[in-house]
């Protein structure tokens, strides 16, 4: 029995289909990276501007170098005399405030002084009710007032320190968003190049490929 071969027949080339799918996914990915990059960059700029506006509105300035050296804060000399405007400066000034807070009430916090303040005020009340001498009452009242003053100072300092650290956190988030935006835009460019190469390959690939049809 002999075999004969008919002329080659054209069939759809699956490579072009694969290329088309990959090009489509690549184009969508490139667009997604561009959108993500733009949004991340906007978020980064917004965070930086917001932090700077909020900090500069407080009109806080670092002490001069001589004052910082006298307090033993040589770690802050680089910020001496500078206005507080950036997240990095906010973190540094929060550290400066914390140093002062440690010198109040033996390093105790606002919350820890709560029970002590209440006890001091109770002692004053009990002394008055017990008919203690006025000198004793005055002495107890002075102690209670001193504790209240310390607690008020701690409240203000801890509040400002917390706000500054929050500004520093937002500044850090903005920096991370900026780096992510750059990475996303670079990825978009690379994806665009790959899509372009895919299009070139797609155009060079024939629409059909030839196949031998053998008949016995």
N, C-alpha and C. Protein backbone atom coordinates (compact mmCIF):
# COMPACT_ATOMS: atom_id res chain seq x y z
N UNK A 1 0.86 -1.18 0.00
CA UNK A 1 0.00 0.00 0.00
C UNK A 1 0.89 1.23 0.00
N UNK A 2 0.62 2.15 -0.85
CA UNK A 2 1.45 3.34 -0.97
C UNK A 2 0.84 4.51 -0.21
N UNK A 3 1.72 5.46 0.10
CA UNK A 3 1.26 6.67 0.79
C UNK A 3 1.47 7.85 -0.12
N UNK A 4 0.51 8.75 -0.09
CA UNK A 4 0.64 9.98 -0.88
C UNK A 4 0.48 11.17 0.05
N UNK A 5 1.08 12.22 -0.30
CA UNK A 5 1.01 13.43 0.52
C UNK A 5 0.31 14.53 -0.24
N UNK A 6 -0.74 15.06 0.39
CA UNK A 6 -1.46 16.17 -0.23
C UNK A 6 -0.71 17.47 0.05
N UNK A 7 -1.01 18.50 -0.67
CA UNK A 7 -0.38 19.79 -0.43
C UNK A 7 -0.62 20.25 1.01
N UNK A 8 0.33 21.06 1.54
CA UNK A 8 0.24 21.55 2.92
C UNK A 8 -1.02 22.38 3.11
N UNK A 9 -1.68 22.16 4.29
CA UNK A 9 -2.90 22.91 4.62
C UNK A 9 -2.59 23.92 5.72
N UNK A 10 -3.25 25.06 5.72
CA UNK A 10 -3.02 26.09 6.72
C UNK A 10 -3.88 25.88 7.95
N UNK A 11 -3.28 25.99 9.15
CA UNK A 11 -4.01 25.91 10.43
C UNK A 11 -3.64 27.14 11.25
N UNK A 12 -4.52 27.50 12.16
CA UNK A 12 -4.30 28.68 13.00
C UNK A 12 -3.05 28.49 13.85
N UNK A 13 -2.24 29.51 13.91
CA UNK A 13 -1.00 29.44 14.68
C UNK A 13 -1.29 29.79 16.14
N UNK A 14 -1.16 28.82 17.06
CA UNK A 14 -1.48 29.10 18.47
C UNK A 14 -0.54 30.12 19.10
N UNK A 15 0.64 30.28 18.53
CA UNK A 15 1.60 31.23 19.10
C UNK A 15 1.07 32.65 19.06
N UNK A 16 0.37 33.00 17.99
CA UNK A 16 -0.20 34.34 17.90
C UNK A 16 -1.27 34.56 18.96
N UNK A 17 -2.05 33.52 19.24
CA UNK A 17 -3.07 33.64 20.29
C UNK A 17 -2.44 33.87 21.65
N UNK A 18 -1.37 33.11 21.92
CA UNK A 18 -0.67 33.28 23.19
C UNK A 18 -0.07 34.68 23.29
N UNK A 19 0.54 35.14 22.19
CA UNK A 19 1.12 36.48 22.19
C UNK A 19 0.06 37.55 22.45
N UNK A 20 -1.10 37.37 21.80
CA UNK A 20 -2.18 38.35 21.97
C UNK A 20 -2.65 38.42 23.42
N UNK A 21 -2.77 37.24 24.05
CA UNK A 21 -3.20 37.20 25.45
C UNK A 21 -2.16 37.87 26.35
N UNK A 22 -0.90 37.54 26.13
CA UNK A 22 0.17 38.12 26.95
C UNK A 22 0.27 39.63 26.75
N UNK A 23 0.10 40.07 25.52
CA UNK A 23 0.13 41.51 25.25
C UNK A 23 -1.01 42.22 25.98
N UNK A 24 -2.19 41.61 25.95
CA UNK A 24 -3.34 42.20 26.63
C UNK A 24 -3.10 42.31 28.14
N UNK A 25 -2.63 41.21 28.75
CA UNK A 25 -2.34 41.24 30.19
C UNK A 25 -1.25 42.26 30.50
N UNK A 26 -0.23 42.31 29.64
CA UNK A 26 0.86 43.25 29.86
C UNK A 26 0.39 44.69 29.79
N UNK A 27 -0.48 44.98 28.82
CA UNK A 27 -1.01 46.34 28.69
C UNK A 27 -1.84 46.72 29.91
N UNK A 28 -2.66 45.79 30.38
CA UNK A 28 -3.47 46.07 31.59
C UNK A 28 -2.57 46.28 32.80
N UNK A 29 -1.53 45.45 32.91
CA UNK A 29 -0.61 45.60 34.04
C UNK A 29 0.10 46.95 33.98
N UNK A 30 0.52 47.36 32.78
CA UNK A 30 1.20 48.64 32.63
C UNK A 30 0.30 49.79 33.05
N UNK A 31 -0.96 49.73 32.63
CA UNK A 31 -1.92 50.77 33.02
C UNK A 31 -2.13 50.76 34.53
N UNK A 32 -2.24 49.57 35.12
CA UNK A 32 -2.43 49.46 36.57
C UNK A 32 -1.24 50.04 37.32
N UNK A 33 -0.03 49.76 36.83
CA UNK A 33 1.16 50.30 37.48
C UNK A 33 1.20 51.83 37.38
N UNK A 34 0.80 52.35 36.24
CA UNK A 34 0.79 53.80 36.07
C UNK A 34 -0.20 54.44 37.04
N UNK A 35 -1.41 53.88 37.11
CA UNK A 35 -2.43 54.41 38.02
C UNK A 35 -1.95 54.33 39.46
N UNK A 36 -1.39 53.17 39.83
CA UNK A 36 -0.89 53.00 41.19
C UNK A 36 0.23 53.99 41.48
N UNK A 37 1.13 54.17 40.52
CA UNK A 37 2.23 55.11 40.71
C UNK A 37 1.76 56.53 40.91
N UNK A 38 0.79 56.94 40.09
CA UNK A 38 0.26 58.30 40.20
C UNK A 38 -0.43 58.50 41.55
N UNK A 39 -1.25 57.53 41.96
CA UNK A 39 -1.95 57.65 43.24
C UNK A 39 -0.98 57.65 44.42
N UNK A 40 0.02 56.78 44.36
CA UNK A 40 1.00 56.73 45.44
C UNK A 40 1.81 58.03 45.51
N UNK A 41 2.15 58.58 44.36
CA UNK A 41 2.89 59.84 44.35
C UNK A 41 2.03 60.97 44.91
N UNK A 42 0.76 60.96 44.56
CA UNK A 42 -0.16 61.97 45.11
C UNK A 42 -0.25 61.83 46.62
N UNK A 43 -0.37 60.58 47.09
CA UNK A 43 -0.44 60.35 48.53
C UNK A 43 0.82 60.80 49.24
N UNK A 44 1.97 60.54 48.62
CA UNK A 44 3.25 60.96 49.20
C UNK A 44 3.34 62.48 49.30
N UNK A 45 2.98 63.17 48.23
CA UNK A 45 3.02 64.63 48.24
C UNK A 45 2.03 65.21 49.24
N UNK A 46 0.84 64.59 49.31
CA UNK A 46 -0.17 65.07 50.26
C UNK A 46 0.32 64.94 51.69
N UNK A 47 0.91 63.77 52.02
CA UNK A 47 1.42 63.55 53.37
C UNK A 47 2.52 64.55 53.72
N UNK A 48 3.44 64.77 52.79
CA UNK A 48 4.53 65.71 53.04
C UNK A 48 4.02 67.13 53.25
N UNK A 49 3.10 67.55 52.37
CA UNK A 49 2.56 68.90 52.49
C UNK A 49 1.75 69.07 53.77
N UNK A 50 0.95 68.05 54.10
CA UNK A 50 0.11 68.13 55.30
C UNK A 50 0.97 68.23 56.55
N UNK A 51 1.99 67.36 56.63
CA UNK A 51 2.88 67.37 57.80
C UNK A 51 3.59 68.71 57.92
N UNK A 52 4.11 69.21 56.81
CA UNK A 52 4.84 70.48 56.85
C UNK A 52 3.93 71.63 57.25
N UNK A 53 2.71 71.66 56.70
CA UNK A 53 1.78 72.74 57.03
C UNK A 53 1.40 72.71 58.50
N UNK A 54 1.12 71.51 59.02
CA UNK A 54 0.70 71.39 60.41
C UNK A 54 1.84 71.74 61.36
N UNK A 55 3.03 71.28 61.05
CA UNK A 55 4.16 71.55 61.94
C UNK A 55 4.56 73.03 61.90
N UNK A 56 4.63 73.60 60.71
CA UNK A 56 5.04 75.00 60.60
C UNK A 56 4.03 75.93 61.27
N UNK A 57 2.75 75.52 61.29
CA UNK A 57 1.73 76.37 61.91
C UNK A 57 1.91 76.46 63.43
N UNK A 58 2.63 75.49 64.02
CA UNK A 58 2.87 75.52 65.47
C UNK A 58 3.99 76.50 65.85
N UNK A 59 4.78 76.91 64.88
CA UNK A 59 5.86 77.89 65.08
C UNK A 59 6.81 77.45 66.20
N UNK A 60 7.21 76.19 66.14
CA UNK A 60 8.15 75.65 67.11
C UNK A 60 9.56 75.75 66.53
N UNK A 61 10.50 76.17 67.35
CA UNK A 61 11.89 76.30 66.92
C UNK A 61 12.79 75.57 67.91
N UNK A 62 13.76 74.85 67.41
CA UNK A 62 14.71 74.17 68.28
C UNK A 62 15.55 75.20 69.04
N UNK A 63 15.94 74.89 70.26
CA UNK A 63 16.81 75.78 71.03
C UNK A 63 18.15 75.95 70.31
N UNK A 64 18.88 77.01 70.62
CA UNK A 64 20.20 77.20 70.00
C UNK A 64 21.17 76.11 70.45
N UNK A 65 22.27 76.01 69.75
CA UNK A 65 23.24 74.96 70.02
C UNK A 65 23.77 75.03 71.45
N UNK A 66 24.00 76.27 71.96
CA UNK A 66 24.53 76.41 73.31
C UNK A 66 23.59 75.81 74.35
N UNK A 67 22.28 76.05 74.17
CA UNK A 67 21.30 75.53 75.12
C UNK A 67 21.23 74.01 75.04
N UNK A 68 21.30 73.46 73.85
CA UNK A 68 21.25 72.01 73.70
C UNK A 68 22.49 71.36 74.32
N UNK A 69 23.64 71.97 74.13
CA UNK A 69 24.86 71.44 74.72
C UNK A 69 24.80 71.49 76.24
N UNK A 70 24.24 72.57 76.77
CA UNK A 70 24.13 72.71 78.22
C UNK A 70 23.22 71.63 78.81
N UNK A 71 22.23 71.20 78.04
CA UNK A 71 21.31 70.16 78.50
C UNK A 71 21.82 68.76 78.18
N UNK A 72 22.97 68.69 77.53
CA UNK A 72 23.52 67.39 77.19
C UNK A 72 22.86 66.74 75.99
N UNK A 73 22.17 67.54 75.17
CA UNK A 73 21.50 67.00 73.99
C UNK A 73 22.32 67.30 72.74
N UNK A 74 23.55 66.83 72.75
CA UNK A 74 24.41 67.03 71.58
C UNK A 74 23.90 66.26 70.36
N UNK A 75 23.02 65.27 70.59
CA UNK A 75 22.47 64.50 69.48
C UNK A 75 21.51 65.34 68.64
N UNK A 76 21.11 66.50 69.15
CA UNK A 76 20.17 67.36 68.43
C UNK A 76 20.82 68.62 67.88
N UNK A 77 22.15 68.69 67.96
CA UNK A 77 22.86 69.90 67.52
C UNK A 77 22.57 70.23 66.06
N UNK A 78 22.41 69.21 65.22
CA UNK A 78 22.17 69.46 63.79
C UNK A 78 20.88 70.21 63.54
N UNK A 79 19.95 70.18 64.52
CA UNK A 79 18.67 70.89 64.35
C UNK A 79 18.65 72.22 65.10
N UNK A 80 19.74 72.60 65.73
CA UNK A 80 19.78 73.79 66.57
C UNK A 80 19.29 75.04 65.82
N UNK A 81 18.34 75.75 66.45
CA UNK A 81 17.83 76.99 65.89
C UNK A 81 16.94 76.86 64.68
N UNK A 82 16.66 75.63 64.26
CA UNK A 82 15.85 75.42 63.05
C UNK A 82 14.37 75.39 63.38
N UNK A 83 13.51 75.90 62.49
CA UNK A 83 12.07 75.77 62.69
C UNK A 83 11.62 74.33 62.46
N UNK A 84 10.63 73.91 63.19
CA UNK A 84 10.13 72.53 63.10
C UNK A 84 9.17 72.41 61.92
N UNK A 85 9.60 71.70 60.86
CA UNK A 85 8.79 71.62 59.64
C UNK A 85 8.71 70.22 59.03
N UNK A 86 9.60 69.32 59.40
CA UNK A 86 9.64 68.00 58.75
C UNK A 86 9.37 66.89 59.76
N UNK A 87 9.08 65.71 59.23
CA UNK A 87 8.84 64.56 60.09
C UNK A 87 10.07 64.18 60.89
N UNK A 88 11.23 64.27 60.27
CA UNK A 88 12.47 63.95 60.97
C UNK A 88 12.69 64.90 62.14
N UNK A 89 12.42 66.18 61.92
CA UNK A 89 12.55 67.16 62.98
C UNK A 89 11.52 66.92 64.08
N UNK A 90 10.33 66.48 63.69
CA UNK A 90 9.28 66.19 64.67
C UNK A 90 9.72 65.07 65.61
N UNK A 91 10.32 64.04 65.05
CA UNK A 91 10.81 62.94 65.89
C UNK A 91 11.91 63.44 66.83
N UNK A 92 12.80 64.29 66.33
CA UNK A 92 13.88 64.82 67.15
C UNK A 92 13.34 65.69 68.29
N UNK A 93 12.36 66.53 67.99
CA UNK A 93 11.81 67.40 69.03
C UNK A 93 11.00 66.60 70.04
N UNK A 94 10.37 65.53 69.59
CA UNK A 94 9.66 64.65 70.53
C UNK A 94 10.65 64.03 71.51
N UNK A 95 11.84 63.69 71.02
CA UNK A 95 12.89 63.18 71.89
C UNK A 95 13.34 64.25 72.88
N UNK A 96 13.40 65.49 72.41
CA UNK A 96 13.78 66.61 73.28
C UNK A 96 12.76 66.80 74.40
N UNK A 97 11.49 66.73 74.04
CA UNK A 97 10.43 66.86 75.04
C UNK A 97 10.49 65.71 76.05
N UNK A 98 10.71 64.52 75.54
CA UNK A 98 10.77 63.36 76.42
C UNK A 98 11.88 63.49 77.46
N UNK A 99 12.98 64.12 77.05
CA UNK A 99 14.06 64.34 78.00
C UNK A 99 13.63 65.22 79.16
N UNK A 100 12.80 66.23 78.86
CA UNK A 100 12.28 67.10 79.92
C UNK A 100 11.25 66.36 80.78
N UNK A 101 10.44 65.52 80.15
CA UNK A 101 9.41 64.80 80.90
C UNK A 101 10.03 63.84 81.91
N UNK A 102 11.18 63.29 81.55
CA UNK A 102 11.84 62.35 82.46
C UNK A 102 12.31 63.04 83.74
N UNK A 103 12.45 64.37 83.68
CA UNK A 103 12.88 65.10 84.86
C UNK A 103 11.75 65.55 85.75
N UNK A 104 10.52 65.24 85.38
CA UNK A 104 9.34 65.63 86.16
C UNK A 104 8.83 64.42 86.94
N UNK A 105 8.62 64.61 88.23
CA UNK A 105 8.03 63.56 89.09
C UNK A 105 8.82 62.25 89.02
N UNK A 106 10.13 62.37 88.90
CA UNK A 106 10.95 61.17 88.92
C UNK A 106 10.71 60.23 87.76
N UNK A 107 10.28 60.77 86.64
CA UNK A 107 10.07 59.94 85.46
C UNK A 107 8.71 59.28 85.39
N UNK A 108 7.84 59.60 86.34
CA UNK A 108 6.49 59.02 86.30
C UNK A 108 5.67 59.69 85.21
N UNK A 109 4.65 58.98 84.74
CA UNK A 109 3.81 59.49 83.66
C UNK A 109 2.57 60.18 84.22
N UNK A 110 1.84 60.84 83.32
CA UNK A 110 0.58 61.50 83.70
C UNK A 110 -0.38 60.50 84.34
N UNK A 111 -0.49 59.33 83.76
CA UNK A 111 -1.42 58.32 84.28
C UNK A 111 -0.98 57.82 85.66
N UNK A 112 0.31 57.63 85.82
CA UNK A 112 0.81 57.10 87.09
C UNK A 112 0.62 58.09 88.23
N UNK A 113 0.62 59.38 87.93
CA UNK A 113 0.43 60.39 88.97
C UNK A 113 -1.03 60.56 89.36
N UNK A 114 -1.93 59.94 88.62
CA UNK A 114 -3.36 60.09 88.92
C UNK A 114 -3.71 59.65 90.33
N UNK A 115 -3.30 58.45 90.69
CA UNK A 115 -3.61 57.93 92.03
C UNK A 115 -2.93 58.75 93.11
N UNK A 116 -1.71 59.20 92.85
CA UNK A 116 -0.97 60.00 93.83
C UNK A 116 -1.66 61.34 94.04
N UNK A 117 -2.13 61.95 92.95
CA UNK A 117 -2.84 63.23 93.06
C UNK A 117 -4.13 63.08 93.86
N UNK A 118 -4.87 62.02 93.59
CA UNK A 118 -6.11 61.80 94.33
C UNK A 118 -5.84 61.57 95.81
N UNK A 119 -4.79 60.84 96.10
CA UNK A 119 -4.45 60.59 97.51
C UNK A 119 -4.07 61.88 98.22
N UNK A 120 -3.33 62.75 97.51
CA UNK A 120 -2.92 64.02 98.10
C UNK A 120 -4.12 64.91 98.38
N UNK A 121 -5.06 64.97 97.44
CA UNK A 121 -6.27 65.77 97.65
C UNK A 121 -7.13 65.19 98.77
N UNK A 122 -7.18 63.88 98.87
CA UNK A 122 -7.93 63.24 99.95
C UNK A 122 -7.31 63.57 101.31
N UNK A 123 -5.99 63.61 101.35
CA UNK A 123 -5.30 63.95 102.61
C UNK A 123 -5.65 65.36 103.05
N UNK A 124 -5.75 66.27 102.10
CA UNK A 124 -6.12 67.65 102.43
C UNK A 124 -7.54 67.69 103.00
N UNK A 125 -8.46 67.00 102.34
CA UNK A 125 -9.85 66.98 102.80
C UNK A 125 -9.96 66.38 104.20
N UNK A 126 -9.28 65.29 104.42
CA UNK A 126 -9.34 64.63 105.73
C UNK A 126 -8.73 65.51 106.82
N UNK A 127 -7.67 66.24 106.49
CA UNK A 127 -7.04 67.13 107.47
C UNK A 127 -7.99 68.25 107.87
N UNK A 128 -8.70 68.77 106.89
CA UNK A 128 -9.67 69.84 107.17
C UNK A 128 -10.80 69.31 108.04
N UNK A 129 -11.32 68.14 107.69
CA UNK A 129 -12.43 67.56 108.44
C UNK A 129 -12.01 67.16 109.85
N UNK A 130 -10.75 66.80 110.01
CA UNK A 130 -10.26 66.39 111.34
C UNK A 130 -9.87 67.59 112.20
N UNK A 131 -9.95 68.78 111.65
CA UNK A 131 -9.62 69.98 112.42
C UNK A 131 -8.13 70.14 112.66
N UNK A 132 -7.33 69.66 111.74
CA UNK A 132 -5.88 69.81 111.87
C UNK A 132 -5.50 71.28 111.81
N UNK A 133 -4.33 71.62 112.39
CA UNK A 133 -3.87 73.01 112.34
C UNK A 133 -3.77 73.52 110.90
N UNK A 134 -3.99 74.82 110.75
CA UNK A 134 -3.97 75.40 109.42
C UNK A 134 -2.63 75.21 108.74
N UNK A 135 -1.55 75.22 109.50
CA UNK A 135 -0.22 75.02 108.93
C UNK A 135 -0.12 73.63 108.29
N UNK A 136 -0.70 72.65 108.95
CA UNK A 136 -0.67 71.28 108.41
C UNK A 136 -1.48 71.20 107.12
N UNK A 137 -2.67 71.83 107.17
CA UNK A 137 -3.52 71.83 105.98
C UNK A 137 -2.83 72.52 104.82
N UNK A 138 -2.19 73.66 105.12
CA UNK A 138 -1.50 74.41 104.06
C UNK A 138 -0.36 73.58 103.47
N UNK A 139 0.35 72.86 104.32
CA UNK A 139 1.45 72.03 103.84
C UNK A 139 0.95 70.91 102.94
N UNK A 140 -0.14 70.27 103.36
CA UNK A 140 -0.72 69.20 102.53
C UNK A 140 -1.26 69.75 101.22
N UNK A 141 -1.86 70.95 101.30
CA UNK A 141 -2.40 71.57 100.08
C UNK A 141 -1.28 71.92 99.12
N UNK A 142 -0.16 72.40 99.64
CA UNK A 142 0.98 72.73 98.78
C UNK A 142 1.50 71.48 98.09
N UNK A 143 1.55 70.35 98.81
CA UNK A 143 2.00 69.10 98.20
C UNK A 143 1.04 68.66 97.10
N UNK A 144 -0.27 68.78 97.37
CA UNK A 144 -1.27 68.40 96.37
C UNK A 144 -1.18 69.29 95.14
N UNK A 145 -0.99 70.60 95.38
CA UNK A 145 -0.88 71.54 94.24
C UNK A 145 0.37 71.24 93.41
N UNK A 146 1.45 70.88 94.07
CA UNK A 146 2.69 70.56 93.35
C UNK A 146 2.49 69.34 92.47
N UNK A 147 1.81 68.33 93.01
CA UNK A 147 1.55 67.12 92.23
C UNK A 147 0.64 67.43 91.05
N UNK A 148 -0.37 68.27 91.28
CA UNK A 148 -1.27 68.66 90.20
C UNK A 148 -0.52 69.42 89.11
N UNK A 149 0.38 70.31 89.53
CA UNK A 149 1.18 71.04 88.55
C UNK A 149 2.06 70.11 87.73
N UNK A 150 2.67 69.14 88.40
CA UNK A 150 3.49 68.17 87.68
C UNK A 150 2.64 67.38 86.68
N UNK A 151 1.47 66.99 87.13
CA UNK A 151 0.59 66.19 86.25
C UNK A 151 0.13 67.00 85.05
N UNK A 152 -0.17 68.27 85.26
CA UNK A 152 -0.57 69.12 84.14
C UNK A 152 0.57 69.29 83.14
N UNK A 153 1.79 69.47 83.65
CA UNK A 153 2.95 69.60 82.77
C UNK A 153 3.17 68.33 81.97
N UNK A 154 3.01 67.19 82.64
CA UNK A 154 3.17 65.91 81.94
C UNK A 154 2.10 65.72 80.88
N UNK A 155 0.88 66.14 81.19
CA UNK A 155 -0.22 66.00 80.22
C UNK A 155 0.08 66.81 78.96
N UNK A 156 0.49 68.05 79.14
CA UNK A 156 0.80 68.89 77.98
C UNK A 156 1.98 68.34 77.20
N UNK A 157 3.03 67.95 77.93
CA UNK A 157 4.21 67.44 77.25
C UNK A 157 3.96 66.14 76.53
N UNK A 158 3.26 65.23 77.17
CA UNK A 158 2.98 63.94 76.54
C UNK A 158 2.06 64.10 75.34
N UNK A 159 1.11 65.05 75.45
CA UNK A 159 0.21 65.30 74.32
C UNK A 159 0.97 65.83 73.12
N UNK A 160 1.82 66.84 73.35
CA UNK A 160 2.59 67.41 72.25
C UNK A 160 3.54 66.37 71.67
N UNK A 161 4.16 65.60 72.54
CA UNK A 161 5.08 64.56 72.06
C UNK A 161 4.34 63.55 71.19
N UNK A 162 3.15 63.15 71.61
CA UNK A 162 2.36 62.20 70.82
C UNK A 162 1.98 62.77 69.46
N UNK A 163 1.62 64.06 69.43
CA UNK A 163 1.27 64.69 68.16
C UNK A 163 2.47 64.76 67.22
N UNK A 164 3.63 65.05 67.78
CA UNK A 164 4.84 65.12 66.96
C UNK A 164 5.21 63.76 66.41
N UNK A 165 5.07 62.73 67.22
CA UNK A 165 5.38 61.38 66.75
C UNK A 165 4.37 60.92 65.70
N UNK A 166 3.13 61.38 65.83
CA UNK A 166 2.12 61.07 64.80
C UNK A 166 2.50 61.74 63.48
N UNK A 167 2.96 62.98 63.56
CA UNK A 167 3.41 63.67 62.35
C UNK A 167 4.59 62.94 61.73
N UNK A 168 5.50 62.46 62.57
CA UNK A 168 6.65 61.70 62.07
C UNK A 168 6.19 60.42 61.38
N UNK A 169 5.18 59.76 61.97
CA UNK A 169 4.66 58.52 61.38
C UNK A 169 4.06 58.79 60.01
N UNK A 170 3.28 59.87 59.89
CA UNK A 170 2.67 60.19 58.60
C UNK A 170 3.74 60.57 57.58
N UNK A 171 4.77 61.25 58.04
CA UNK A 171 5.87 61.60 57.15
C UNK A 171 6.56 60.34 56.63
N UNK A 172 6.74 59.36 57.52
CA UNK A 172 7.36 58.09 57.11
C UNK A 172 6.48 57.36 56.11
N UNK A 173 5.17 57.36 56.36
CA UNK A 173 4.24 56.73 55.42
C UNK A 173 4.33 57.41 54.06
N UNK A 174 4.44 58.75 54.07
CA UNK A 174 4.56 59.48 52.81
C UNK A 174 5.84 59.11 52.06
N UNK A 175 6.94 58.94 52.79
CA UNK A 175 8.19 58.55 52.15
C UNK A 175 8.08 57.16 51.54
N UNK A 176 7.47 56.25 52.28
CA UNK A 176 7.29 54.88 51.75
C UNK A 176 6.42 54.91 50.50
N UNK A 177 5.35 55.72 50.55
CA UNK A 177 4.48 55.84 49.38
C UNK A 177 5.25 56.41 48.19
N UNK A 178 6.15 57.34 48.45
CA UNK A 178 6.96 57.91 47.36
C UNK A 178 7.87 56.86 46.73
N UNK A 179 8.51 56.05 47.57
CA UNK A 179 9.36 54.98 47.03
C UNK A 179 8.52 53.98 46.24
N UNK A 180 7.34 53.64 46.78
CA UNK A 180 6.46 52.70 46.09
C UNK A 180 5.98 53.27 44.75
N UNK A 181 5.75 54.59 44.72
CA UNK A 181 5.32 55.23 43.47
C UNK A 181 6.41 55.12 42.41
N UNK A 182 7.64 55.37 42.82
CA UNK A 182 8.75 55.26 41.87
C UNK A 182 8.87 53.83 41.35
N UNK A 183 8.76 52.86 42.25
CA UNK A 183 8.85 51.46 41.85
C UNK A 183 7.72 51.10 40.88
N UNK A 184 6.51 51.59 41.16
CA UNK A 184 5.38 51.29 40.29
C UNK A 184 5.56 51.91 38.90
N UNK A 185 6.06 53.13 38.85
CA UNK A 185 6.26 53.78 37.55
C UNK A 185 7.39 53.11 36.76
N UNK A 186 8.44 52.68 37.45
CA UNK A 186 9.51 51.94 36.77
C UNK A 186 8.95 50.62 36.22
N UNK A 187 8.14 49.95 37.03
CA UNK A 187 7.52 48.70 36.58
C UNK A 187 6.62 48.95 35.37
N UNK A 188 5.92 50.09 35.35
CA UNK A 188 5.06 50.42 34.22
C UNK A 188 5.89 50.60 32.95
N UNK A 189 7.04 51.26 33.08
CA UNK A 189 7.91 51.46 31.91
C UNK A 189 8.43 50.12 31.39
N UNK A 190 8.89 49.27 32.31
CA UNK A 190 9.40 47.96 31.91
C UNK A 190 8.30 47.13 31.26
N UNK A 191 7.11 47.20 31.85
CA UNK A 191 6.00 46.44 31.27
C UNK A 191 5.65 46.99 29.89
N UNK A 192 5.75 48.32 29.72
CA UNK A 192 5.48 48.91 28.41
C UNK A 192 6.48 48.43 27.37
N UNK A 193 7.74 48.31 27.77
CA UNK A 193 8.77 47.81 26.85
C UNK A 193 8.47 46.36 26.46
N UNK A 194 8.10 45.56 27.45
CA UNK A 194 7.78 44.16 27.16
C UNK A 194 6.56 44.05 26.24
N UNK A 195 5.58 44.91 26.47
CA UNK A 195 4.40 44.90 25.59
C UNK A 195 4.81 45.28 24.17
N UNK A 196 5.68 46.28 24.05
CA UNK A 196 6.15 46.67 22.72
C UNK A 196 6.88 45.54 22.01
N UNK A 197 7.74 44.84 22.74
CA UNK A 197 8.44 43.70 22.15
C UNK A 197 7.46 42.59 21.78
N UNK A 198 6.44 42.44 22.61
CA UNK A 198 5.43 41.42 22.30
C UNK A 198 4.66 41.75 21.04
N UNK A 199 4.37 43.03 20.85
CA UNK A 199 3.66 43.45 19.63
C UNK A 199 4.52 43.18 18.40
N UNK A 200 5.83 43.48 18.50
CA UNK A 200 6.74 43.22 17.38
C UNK A 200 6.76 41.74 17.04
N UNK A 201 6.86 40.92 18.11
CA UNK A 201 6.89 39.48 17.86
C UNK A 201 5.57 38.99 17.28
N UNK A 202 4.48 39.55 17.75
CA UNK A 202 3.15 39.17 17.26
C UNK A 202 3.03 39.45 15.77
N UNK A 203 3.52 40.61 15.33
CA UNK A 203 3.41 40.98 13.93
C UNK A 203 4.30 40.12 13.04
N UNK A 204 5.41 39.64 13.58
CA UNK A 204 6.32 38.81 12.79
C UNK A 204 5.86 37.36 12.72
N UNK A 205 5.01 36.97 13.63
CA UNK A 205 4.54 35.58 13.65
C UNK A 205 3.44 35.41 12.61
N UNK A 206 3.57 34.45 11.68
CA UNK A 206 2.53 34.25 10.66
C UNK A 206 1.21 33.84 11.29
N UNK A 207 0.13 34.25 10.62
CA UNK A 207 -1.19 33.93 11.14
C UNK A 207 -1.48 32.45 11.11
N UNK A 208 -0.96 31.76 10.11
CA UNK A 208 -1.21 30.31 10.00
C UNK A 208 0.13 29.61 9.84
N UNK A 209 0.16 28.36 10.18
CA UNK A 209 1.34 27.55 9.92
C UNK A 209 0.93 26.37 9.04
N UNK A 210 1.84 25.89 8.26
CA UNK A 210 1.54 24.83 7.30
C UNK A 210 1.73 23.47 7.92
N UNK A 211 0.84 22.54 7.56
CA UNK A 211 0.93 21.18 8.08
C UNK A 211 0.77 20.21 6.94
N UNK A 212 1.55 19.12 6.94
CA UNK A 212 1.46 18.07 5.93
C UNK A 212 0.27 17.16 6.25
N UNK A 213 -0.55 16.93 5.26
CA UNK A 213 -1.69 16.05 5.43
C UNK A 213 -1.38 14.75 4.66
N UNK A 214 -1.09 13.69 5.35
CA UNK A 214 -0.71 12.42 4.72
C UNK A 214 -1.93 11.53 4.54
N UNK A 215 -2.04 10.92 3.32
CA UNK A 215 -3.16 10.01 3.05
C UNK A 215 -2.61 8.67 2.64
N UNK A 216 -3.04 7.61 3.29
CA UNK A 216 -2.55 6.24 2.95
C UNK A 216 -3.15 5.78 1.62
